[in-house]
C-alpha atoms as a PDB file:
ATOM      1  CA  MET A   1      -3.158  34.083  36.371  1.00  0.00           C
ATOM      2  CA  ASN A   2      -3.898  30.746  34.662  1.00  0.00           C
ATOM      3  CA  THR A   3      -0.661  29.308  33.311  1.00  0.00           C
ATOM      4  CA  THR A   4      -2.097  25.903  32.319  1.00  0.00           C
ATOM      5  CA  PRO A   5      -1.568  25.281  28.589  1.00  0.00           C
ATOM      6  CA  TYR A   6      -4.257  23.976  26.258  1.00  0.00           C
ATOM      7  CA  TYR A   7      -3.004  21.219  23.964  1.00  0.00           C
ATOM      8  CA  ARG A   8      -4.269  20.519  20.445  1.00  0.00           C
ATOM      9  CA  LEU A   9      -3.459  17.373  18.513  1.00  0.00           C
ATOM     10  CA  LEU A  10      -6.622  16.831  16.436  1.00  0.00           C
ATOM     11  CA  GLY A  11      -5.116  18.739  13.547  1.00  0.00           C
ATOM     12  CA  PRO A  12      -1.891  20.750  13.594  1.00  0.00           C
ATOM     13  CA  LEU A  13       0.053  20.267  16.825  1.00  0.00           C
ATOM     14  CA  SER A  14      -0.214  23.378  18.966  1.00  0.00           C
ATOM     15  CA  VAL A  15       0.032  24.516  22.554  1.00  0.00           C
ATOM     16  CA  MET A  16      -1.905  27.592  23.646  1.00  0.00           C
ATOM     17  CA  MET A  17      -1.032  29.557  26.757  1.00  0.00           C
ATOM     18  CA  GLN A  18      -2.962  32.648  27.845  1.00  0.00           C
ATOM     19  CA  GLY A  19      -4.581  32.817  24.412  1.00  0.00           C
ATOM     20  CA  LYS A  20      -1.308  32.738  22.511  1.00  0.00           C
ATOM     21  CA  GLU A  21       0.311  29.853  20.677  1.00  0.00           C
ATOM     22  CA  VAL A  22       3.678  28.763  22.008  1.00  0.00           C
ATOM     23  CA  PRO A  23       5.892  27.998  19.001  1.00  0.00           C
ATOM     24  CA  ILE A  24       7.319  24.485  18.741  1.00  0.00           C
ATOM     25  CA  LYS A  25      10.142  24.645  16.238  1.00  0.00           C
ATOM     26  CA  GLY A  26      12.163  21.776  14.880  1.00  0.00           C
ATOM     27  CA  LYS A  27      10.991  18.347  13.734  1.00  0.00           C
ATOM     28  CA  ARG A  28      12.565  16.593  16.745  1.00  0.00           C
ATOM     29  CA  HIS A  29      10.781  18.866  19.202  1.00  0.00           C
ATOM     30  CA  LYS A  30       7.464  18.352  17.404  1.00  0.00           C
ATOM     31  CA  ALA A  31       7.873  14.567  17.347  1.00  0.00           C
ATOM     32  CA  LEU A  32       8.773  14.557  21.043  1.00  0.00           C
ATOM     33  CA  MET A  33       5.814  16.728  21.977  1.00  0.00           C
ATOM     34  CA  ALA A  34       3.396  14.699  19.844  1.00  0.00           C
ATOM     35  CA  VAL A  35       4.439  11.419  21.459  1.00  0.00           C
ATOM     36  CA  LEU A  36       4.205  12.850  24.969  1.00  0.00           C
ATOM     37  CA  LEU A  37       0.696  14.077  24.157  1.00  0.00           C
ATOM     38  CA  LEU A  38      -0.368  10.752  22.661  1.00  0.00           C
ATOM     39  CA  GLU A  39       0.732   9.122  25.925  1.00  0.00           C
ATOM     40  CA  ALA A  40      -0.382  12.003  28.147  1.00  0.00           C
ATOM     41  CA  ASN A  41      -0.228  11.266  31.902  1.00  0.00           C
ATOM     42  CA  ASN A  42       1.790   8.117  31.230  1.00  0.00           C
ATOM     43  CA  VAL A  43       5.542   7.675  31.314  1.00  0.00           C
ATOM     44  CA  VAL A  44       7.100   7.327  27.862  1.00  0.00           C
ATOM     45  CA  ASP A  45      10.371   5.420  28.051  1.00  0.00           C
ATOM     46  CA  ILE A  46      13.444   6.974  26.523  1.00  0.00           C
ATOM     47  CA  GLU A  47      13.770   4.251  23.878  1.00  0.00           C
ATOM     48  CA  SER A  48      10.280   5.018  22.529  1.00  0.00           C
ATOM     49  CA  LEU A  49      11.107   8.713  22.330  1.00  0.00           C
ATOM     50  CA  ILE A  50      14.319   7.973  20.465  1.00  0.00           C
ATOM     51  CA  ASP A  51      12.432   5.748  18.048  1.00  0.00           C
ATOM     52  CA  ALA A  52       9.820   8.451  17.478  1.00  0.00           C
ATOM     53  CA  MET A  53      12.426  11.138  16.878  1.00  0.00           C
ATOM     54  CA  TRP A  54      14.938   9.247  14.712  1.00  0.00           C
ATOM     55  CA  GLY A  55      13.391   5.942  13.655  1.00  0.00           C
ATOM     56  CA  GLU A  56      15.832   3.120  12.956  1.00  0.00           C
ATOM     57  CA  SER A  57      18.919   5.343  12.660  1.00  0.00           C
ATOM     58  CA  PRO A  58      19.369   7.256  15.928  1.00  0.00           C
ATOM     59  CA  PRO A  59      22.662   9.049  16.560  1.00  0.00           C
ATOM     60  CA  MET A  60      25.038   7.899  19.280  1.00  0.00           C
ATOM     61  CA  THR A  61      24.072  11.007  21.245  1.00  0.00           C
ATOM     62  CA  ALA A  62      20.319  10.313  21.038  1.00  0.00           C
ATOM     63  CA  LYS A  63      19.706  10.084  24.791  1.00  0.00           C
ATOM     64  CA  SER A  64      21.480  13.334  25.526  1.00  0.00           C
ATOM     65  CA  GLN A  65      19.664  15.022  22.630  1.00  0.00           C
ATOM     66  CA  VAL A  66      16.306  13.891  24.046  1.00  0.00           C
ATOM     67  CA  ARG A  67      17.230  15.504  27.353  1.00  0.00           C
ATOM     68  CA  ILE A  68      18.220  18.702  25.552  1.00  0.00           C
ATOM     69  CA  CYS A  69      14.910  18.753  23.639  1.00  0.00           C
ATOM     70  CA  VAL A  70      12.950  18.277  26.866  1.00  0.00           C
ATOM     71  CA  SER A  71      14.848  21.116  28.505  1.00  0.00           C
ATOM     72  CA  GLU A  72      14.163  23.401  25.546  1.00  0.00           C
ATOM     73  CA  LEU A  73      10.452  22.574  25.588  1.00  0.00           C
ATOM     74  CA  ARG A  74      10.289  23.293  29.302  1.00  0.00           C
ATOM     75  CA  ARG A  75      11.994  26.620  28.742  1.00  0.00           C
ATOM     76  CA  ARG A  76       9.628  27.591  25.924  1.00  0.00           C
ATOM     77  CA  PHE A  77       6.516  26.762  27.925  1.00  0.00           C
ATOM     78  CA  SER A  78       7.694  28.149  31.226  1.00  0.00           C
ATOM     79  CA  LEU A  79       6.046  31.315  32.541  1.00  0.00           C
ATOM     80  CA  SER A  80       8.079  32.726  35.412  1.00  0.00           C
ATOM     81  CA  GLY A  81       9.248  29.208  36.141  1.00  0.00           C
ATOM     82  CA  GLU A  82       5.706  28.066  37.077  1.00  0.00           C
ATOM     83  CA  TRP A  83       4.997  25.458  34.400  1.00  0.00           C
ATOM     84  CA  ALA A  84       6.384  21.982  35.029  1.00  0.00           C
ATOM     85  CA  GLY A  85       4.251  19.840  32.765  1.00  0.00           C
ATOM     86  CA  ILE A  86       7.011  17.493  31.597  1.00  0.00           C
ATOM     87  CA  GLU A  87       8.100  15.301  34.495  1.00  0.00           C
ATOM     88  CA  THR A  88      11.337  13.348  34.583  1.00  0.00           C
ATOM     89  CA  HIS A  89      11.049   9.694  35.634  1.00  0.00           C
ATOM     90  CA  PRO A  90      13.713   6.989  35.951  1.00  0.00           C
ATOM     91  CA  SER A  91      12.703   5.350  32.661  1.00  0.00           C
ATOM     92  CA  GLY A  92      11.675   8.419  30.667  1.00  0.00           C
ATOM     93  CA  TYR A  93       9.304  11.402  30.690  1.00  0.00           C
ATOM     94  CA  LEU A  94       5.661  12.113  31.446  1.00  0.00           C
ATOM     95  CA  LEU A  95       3.568  15.044  30.256  1.00  0.00           C
ATOM     96  CA  ARG A  96       1.064  15.987  32.961  1.00  0.00           C
ATOM     97  CA  VAL A  97      -2.191  17.053  31.259  1.00  0.00           C
ATOM     98  CA  PRO A  98      -5.078  18.170  33.505  1.00  0.00           C
ATOM     99  CA  ASP A  99      -8.701  17.449  32.590  1.00  0.00           C
ATOM    100  CA  GLY A 100     -10.180  19.878  30.090  1.00  0.00           C
ATOM    101  CA  THR A 101      -6.852  20.988  28.643  1.00  0.00           C
ATOM    102  CA  PHE A 102      -6.392  18.560  25.737  1.00  0.00           C
ATOM    103  CA  ASP A 103      -8.615  18.248  22.658  1.00  0.00           C
ATOM    104  CA  LEU A 104      -8.025  14.484  22.328  1.00  0.00           C
ATOM    105  CA  PHE A 105      -9.231  13.939  25.904  1.00  0.00           C
ATOM    106  CA  ARG A 106     -12.261  16.130  25.194  1.00  0.00           C
ATOM    107  CA  PHE A 107     -13.015  14.083  22.076  1.00  0.00           C
ATOM    108  CA  THR A 108     -12.953  10.760  23.912  1.00  0.00           C
ATOM    109  CA  GLY A 109     -14.977  12.185  26.804  1.00  0.00           C
ATOM    110  CA  LEU A 110     -17.726  13.548  24.544  1.00  0.00           C
ATOM    111  CA  VAL A 111     -17.870  10.268  22.620  1.00  0.00           C
ATOM    112  CA  ARG A 112     -18.230   8.364  25.883  1.00  0.00           C
ATOM    113  CA  GLU A 113     -21.089  10.626  26.981  1.00  0.00           C
ATOM    114  CA  GLY A 114     -22.767  10.393  23.598  1.00  0.00           C
ATOM    115  CA  ARG A 115     -22.683   6.617  23.604  1.00  0.00           C
ATOM    116  CA  ARG A 116     -24.128   6.521  27.105  1.00  0.00           C
ATOM    117  CA  ALA A 117     -26.972   8.776  26.010  1.00  0.00           C
ATOM    118  CA  ALA A 118     -27.623   6.604  22.954  1.00  0.00           C
ATOM    119  CA  ASP A 119     -27.721   3.466  25.120  1.00  0.00           C
ATOM    120  CA  VAL A 120     -30.619   4.879  27.162  1.00  0.00           C
ATOM    121  CA  GLY A 121     -32.511   6.200  24.158  1.00  0.00           C
ATOM    122  CA  HIS A 122     -31.594   9.886  24.392  1.00  0.00           C
ATOM    123  CA  THR A 123     -30.952  10.047  20.670  1.00  0.00           C
ATOM    124  CA  GLU A 124     -30.870  13.821  20.122  1.00  0.00           C
ATOM    125  CA  SER A 125     -28.597  14.396  23.115  1.00  0.00           C
ATOM    126  CA  ALA A 126     -26.306  11.608  21.908  1.00  0.00           C
ATOM    127  CA  ALA A 127     -26.118  13.139  18.442  1.00  0.00           C
ATOM    128  CA  ALA A 128     -25.247  16.538  19.932  1.00  0.00           C
ATOM    129  CA  ASP A 129     -22.404  15.026  21.992  1.00  0.00           C
ATOM    130  CA  LEU A 130     -20.952  13.156  19.022  1.00  0.00           C
ATOM    131  CA  ARG A 131     -21.241  16.258  16.832  1.00  0.00           C
ATOM    132  CA  ALA A 132     -19.361  18.309  19.432  1.00  0.00           C
ATOM    133  CA  ALA A 133     -16.666  15.628  19.562  1.00  0.00           C
ATOM    134  CA  LEU A 134     -16.281  15.524  15.786  1.00  0.00           C
ATOM    135  CA  ASP A 135     -16.113  19.320  15.553  1.00  0.00           C
ATOM    136  CA  LEU A 136     -12.894  19.247  17.589  1.00  0.00           C
ATOM    137  CA  TRP A 137     -11.087  17.744  14.612  1.00  0.00           C
ATOM    138  CA  GLN A 138      -9.251  20.284  12.467  1.00  0.00           C
ATOM    139  CA  GLY A 139      -7.531  17.729  10.245  1.00  0.00           C
ATOM    140  CA  PRO A 140      -5.311  14.656  10.624  1.00  0.00           C
ATOM    141  CA  ILE A 141      -3.399  14.280  13.873  1.00  0.00           C
ATOM    142  CA  ALA A 142      -0.175  16.319  13.845  1.00  0.00           C
ATOM    143  CA  PRO A 143       0.279  16.591  10.068  1.00  0.00           C
ATOM    144  CA  GLY A 144       3.879  17.145   9.081  1.00  0.00           C
ATOM    145  CA  VAL A 145       5.299  15.281  12.071  1.00  0.00           C
ATOM    146  CA  GLU A 146       7.326  12.648  10.229  1.00  0.00           C
ATOM    147  CA  SER A 147       7.460   9.943  12.856  1.00  0.00           C
ATOM    148  CA  LEU A 148       6.306   6.388  12.186  1.00  0.00           C
ATOM    149  CA  LEU A 149       5.028   6.127  15.753  1.00  0.00           C
ATOM    150  CA  VAL A 150       2.986   9.322  15.441  1.00  0.00           C
ATOM    151  CA  ARG A 151       1.659   8.451  11.978  1.00  0.00           C
ATOM    152  CA  SER A 152       0.618   4.998  13.193  1.00  0.00           C
ATOM    153  CA  ALA A 153      -1.274   6.527  16.113  1.00  0.00           C
ATOM    154  CA  ALA A 154      -2.815   9.102  13.771  1.00  0.00           C
ATOM    155  CA  ALA A 155      -4.162   6.312  11.548  1.00  0.00           C
ATOM    156  CA  ARG A 156      -5.741   4.562  14.547  1.00  0.00           C
ATOM    157  CA  TYR A 157      -7.439   7.720  15.747  1.00  0.00           C
ATOM    158  CA  GLU A 158      -8.650   8.529  12.240  1.00  0.00           C
ATOM    159  CA  GLU A 159     -10.378   5.158  12.217  1.00  0.00           C
ATOM    160  CA  ASP A 160     -11.957   6.063  15.557  1.00  0.00           C
ATOM    161  CA  ARG A 161     -13.137   9.367  14.097  1.00  0.00           C
ATOM    162  CA  LEU A 162     -14.779   7.664  11.149  1.00  0.00           C
ATOM    163  CA  THR A 163     -16.512   5.161  13.428  1.00  0.00           C
ATOM    164  CA  VAL A 164     -17.883   7.999  15.578  1.00  0.00           C
ATOM    165  CA  LEU A 165     -18.971   9.814  12.423  1.00  0.00           C
ATOM    166  CA  GLU A 166     -20.927   6.751  11.327  1.00  0.00           C
ATOM    167  CA  GLU A 167     -22.553   6.518  14.752  1.00  0.00           C
ATOM    168  CA  TYR A 168     -23.517  10.177  14.490  1.00  0.00           C
ATOM    169  CA  PHE A 169     -25.088   9.662  11.053  1.00  0.00           C
ATOM    170  CA  ASP A 170     -27.097   6.710  12.416  1.00  0.00           C
ATOM    171  CA  LEU A 171     -28.500   8.900  15.177  1.00  0.00           C
ATOM    172  CA  GLU A 172     -29.416  11.743  12.831  1.00  0.00           C
ATOM    173  CA  LEU A 173     -31.156   9.322  10.482  1.00  0.00           C
ATOM    174  CA  LEU A 174     -33.091   7.850  13.392  1.00  0.00           C
ATOM    175  CA  VAL A 175     -34.567  11.224  14.319  1.00  0.00           C
ATOM    176  CA  GLY A 176     -35.383  12.103  10.716  1.00  0.00           C
ATOM    177  CA  ASN A 177     -32.564  14.572  10.041  1.00  0.00           C
ATOM    178  CA  HIS A 178     -31.638  13.008   6.694  1.00  0.00           C
ATOM    179  CA  SER A 179     -31.610  16.361   4.891  1.00  0.00           C
ATOM    180  CA  ARG A 180     -29.189  17.754   7.491  1.00  0.00           C
ATOM    181  CA  VAL A 181     -26.565  15.084   6.889  1.00  0.00           C
ATOM    182  CA  VAL A 182     -26.892  14.291   3.194  1.00  0.00           C
ATOM    183  CA  GLY A 183     -24.276  16.879   2.184  1.00  0.00           C
ATOM    184  CA  GLU A 184     -21.727  15.787   4.772  1.00  0.00           C
ATOM    185  CA  LEU A 185     -22.389  12.137   3.962  1.00  0.00           C
ATOM    186  CA  THR A 186     -21.801  12.816   0.268  1.00  0.00           C
ATOM    187  CA  ARG A 187     -18.434  14.385   1.027  1.00  0.00           C
ATOM    188  CA  GLU A 188     -17.363  11.634   3.419  1.00  0.00           C
ATOM    189  CA  VAL A 189     -18.368   8.823   1.068  1.00  0.00           C
ATOM    190  CA  SER A 190     -16.370  10.432  -1.742  1.00  0.00           C
ATOM    191  CA  GLN A 191     -13.331  10.412   0.567  1.00  0.00           C
ATOM    192  CA  ASN A 192     -13.983   6.949   2.014  1.00  0.00           C
ATOM    193  CA  PRO A 193     -15.648   5.002  -0.812  1.00  0.00           C
ATOM    194  CA  PHE A 194     -15.018   1.557   0.681  1.00  0.00           C
ATOM    195  CA  ARG A 195     -16.816   2.199   3.977  1.00  0.00           C
ATOM    196  CA  GLU A 196     -20.000   0.318   3.210  1.00  0.00           C
ATOM    197  CA  ARG A 197     -21.764   1.429   6.374  1.00  0.00           C
ATOM    198  CA  MET A 198     -21.355   5.042   5.323  1.00  0.00           C
ATOM    199  CA  CYS A 199     -22.422   4.279   1.761  1.00  0.00           C
ATOM    200  CA  GLY A 200     -25.567   2.661   3.131  1.00  0.00           C
ATOM    201  CA  GLN A 201     -26.267   5.678   5.296  1.00  0.00           C
ATOM    202  CA  LEU A 202     -25.985   7.965   2.275  1.00  0.00           C
ATOM    203  CA  MET A 203     -28.325   5.701   0.316  1.00  0.00           C
ATOM    204  CA  LEU A 204     -30.885   6.044   3.100  1.00  0.00           C
ATOM    205  CA  ALA A 205     -30.441   9.808   3.381  1.00  0.00           C
ATOM    206  CA  LEU A 206     -30.908  10.209  -0.370  1.00  0.00           C
ATOM    207  CA  TYR A 207     -33.952   7.956  -0.456  1.00  0.00           C
ATOM    208  CA  LEU A 208     -35.584   9.760   2.464  1.00  0.00           C
ATOM    209  CA  SER A 209     -34.891  13.037   0.646  1.00  0.00           C
ATOM    210  CA  ASN A 210     -36.989  11.773  -2.290  1.00  0.00           C
ATOM    211  CA  ARG A 211     -33.887  10.941  -4.333  1.00  0.00           C
ATOM    212  CA  GLN A 212     -34.479   7.251  -4.953  1.00  0.00           C
ATOM    213  CA  VAL A 213     -32.660   7.233  -8.309  1.00  0.00           C
ATOM    214  CA  ASP A 214     -29.551   8.772  -6.717  1.00  0.00           C
ATOM    215  CA  ALA A 215     -29.679   6.257  -3.876  1.00  0.00           C
ATOM    216  CA  LEU A 216     -29.809   3.284  -6.250  1.00  0.00           C
ATOM    217  CA  SER A 217     -27.154   4.826  -8.496  1.00  0.00           C
ATOM    218  CA  LEU A 218     -24.874   5.099  -5.465  1.00  0.00           C
ATOM    219  CA  PHE A 219     -25.347   1.395  -4.766  1.00  0.00           C
ATOM    220  CA  GLN A 220     -24.379   0.499  -8.323  1.00  0.00           C
ATOM    221  CA  SER A 221     -21.280   2.721  -8.345  1.00  0.00           C
ATOM    222  CA  THR A 222     -20.225   1.345  -4.959  1.00  0.00           C
ATOM    223  CA  ARG A 223     -20.701  -2.214  -6.192  1.00  0.00           C
ATOM    224  CA  ARG A 224     -18.602  -1.557  -9.313  1.00  0.00           C
ATOM    225  CA  ARG A 225     -15.813  -0.046  -7.223  1.00  0.00           C
ATOM    226  CA  LEU A 226     -15.799  -2.983  -4.796  1.00  0.00           C
ATOM    227  CA  VAL A 227     -15.770  -5.541  -7.605  1.00  0.00           C
ATOM    228  CA  ASP A 228     -13.221  -3.759  -9.796  1.00  0.00           C
ATOM    229  CA  ASP A 229     -10.788  -2.713  -7.062  1.00  0.00           C
ATOM    230  CA  LEU A 230     -11.165  -5.443  -4.439  1.00  0.00           C
ATOM    231  CA  GLY A 231     -12.843  -8.320  -6.238  1.00  0.00           C
ATOM    232  CA  LEU A 232     -15.655  -8.279  -3.665  1.00  0.00           C
ATOM    233  CA  GLU A 233     -19.422  -8.043  -3.853  1.00  0.00           C
ATOM    234  CA  PRO A 234     -21.217  -5.603  -1.514  1.00  0.00           C
ATOM    235  CA  SER A 235     -22.003  -6.874   1.972  1.00  0.00           C
ATOM    236  CA  ARG A 236     -25.348  -8.403   2.816  1.00  0.00           C
ATOM    237  CA  ALA A 237     -26.151  -5.282   4.857  1.00  0.00           C
ATOM    238  CA  LEU A 238     -25.668  -2.973   1.876  1.00  0.00           C
ATOM    239  CA  ARG A 239     -27.680  -5.261  -0.400  1.00  0.00           C
ATOM    240  CA  ASP A 240     -30.458  -5.317   2.200  1.00  0.00           C
ATOM    241  CA  ILE A 241     -30.671  -1.538   1.996  1.00  0.00           C
ATOM    242  CA  GLU A 242     -30.927  -1.694  -1.789  1.00  0.00           C
ATOM    243  CA  ASP A 243     -33.693  -4.286  -1.465  1.00  0.00           C
ATOM    244  CA  ALA A 244     -35.524  -2.137   1.088  1.00  0.00           C
ATOM    245  CA  ILE A 245     -35.381   0.879  -1.210  1.00  0.00           C
ATOM    246  CA  LEU A 246     -36.528  -1.112  -4.241  1.00  0.00           C
ATOM    247  CA  SER A 247     -39.444  -2.610  -2.327  1.00  0.00           C
ATOM    248  CA  GLY A 248     -40.387   0.627  -0.557  1.00  0.00           C
ATOM    249  CA  ALA A 249     -39.787  -1.022   2.830  1.00  0.00           C
ATOM    250  CA  VAL A 250     -37.857   1.942   4.241  1.00  0.00           C
ATOM    251  CA  ALA A 251     -40.138   3.696   6.704  1.00  0.00           C
ATOM    252  CA  PRO A 252     -40.676   7.390   5.901  1.00  0.00           C
ATOM    253  CA  LEU A 253     -40.259   8.301   9.562  1.00  0.00           C
ATOM    254  CA  PRO A 254     -37.919   6.839  12.197  1.00  0.00           C
ATOM    255  CA  ASP A 255     -39.814   4.107  14.002  1.00  0.00           C
ATOM    256  CA  ALA A 256     -39.212   0.568  15.226  1.00  0.00           C
ATOM    257  CA  ARG A 257     -39.360  -0.891  11.705  1.00  0.00           C
ATOM    258  CA  PHE A 258     -36.870   1.666  10.437  1.00  0.00           C
ATOM    259  CA  ARG A 259     -34.446   0.794  13.225  1.00  0.00           C
ATOM    260  CA  ALA A 260     -34.862  -2.965  12.940  1.00  0.00           C
ATOM    261  CA  LYS A 261     -34.903  -3.388   9.179  1.00  0.00           C
ATOM    262  CA  VAL A 262     -32.569  -0.687   7.966  1.00  0.00           C
ATOM    263  CA  LEU A 263     -30.099   0.701  10.486  1.00  0.00           C
ATOM    264  CA  SER A 264     -29.307  -2.376  12.559  1.00  0.00           C
ATOM    265  CA  PRO A 265     -27.687  -4.332   9.665  1.00  0.00           C
ATOM    266  CA  LEU A 266     -25.172  -1.483   9.268  1.00  0.00           C
ATOM    267  CA  LYS A 267     -23.737  -1.877  12.747  1.00  0.00           C
END
């Protein structure tokens, strides 16, 4: 019988064991579990756990309450006393997470493989790896866990996700899959209107889908937003894409000119 849990943090925090979710009740327990997962296989000192669970106003009994929370988590996850994932160390606690049992580890592993494939020119394989990594995300990291430490980590990983998403769009554009990504790009740009790299990718996808007017309209709306909200003009890279579209310099198929003149300025 496999008693190894599967941990999910790319979306709602959950722990699955034998196909069933183990309930984690209480905001302190959720904050504790989220921090241990974010630092999986590393010791988290007791002070960091206290900070994550109570912020700047911990109770006098904080250390003993951390120990109680750890004991309760162990009890909830224990199957016949076999599971011992949370280890006690002199300075704090460590959550032992084996390979293949944590969605965040799977995400970083797939991204690493995808980037390696891209580096050696295996564009379609790289795109498949990055797509698989992105599909692991079911929403923001641990929504509802009101811990400054967890929310800060969630913001960092969200930035990583967006960067990987942009890399994925580059790869799909390079192999001519502009029609496949135009819908997703439209949605992402509407949610992240100041990411100029993504705006440029959508301009290219629209242009290559015979929607030149929409592509140029997107540039103008992006420029107005940047000027009105930030007091900034679009980057040289984004203006280069507009110029390429206006002059018809965007290659209709992915080739060396397409890579050199259009995608490389976005990176």
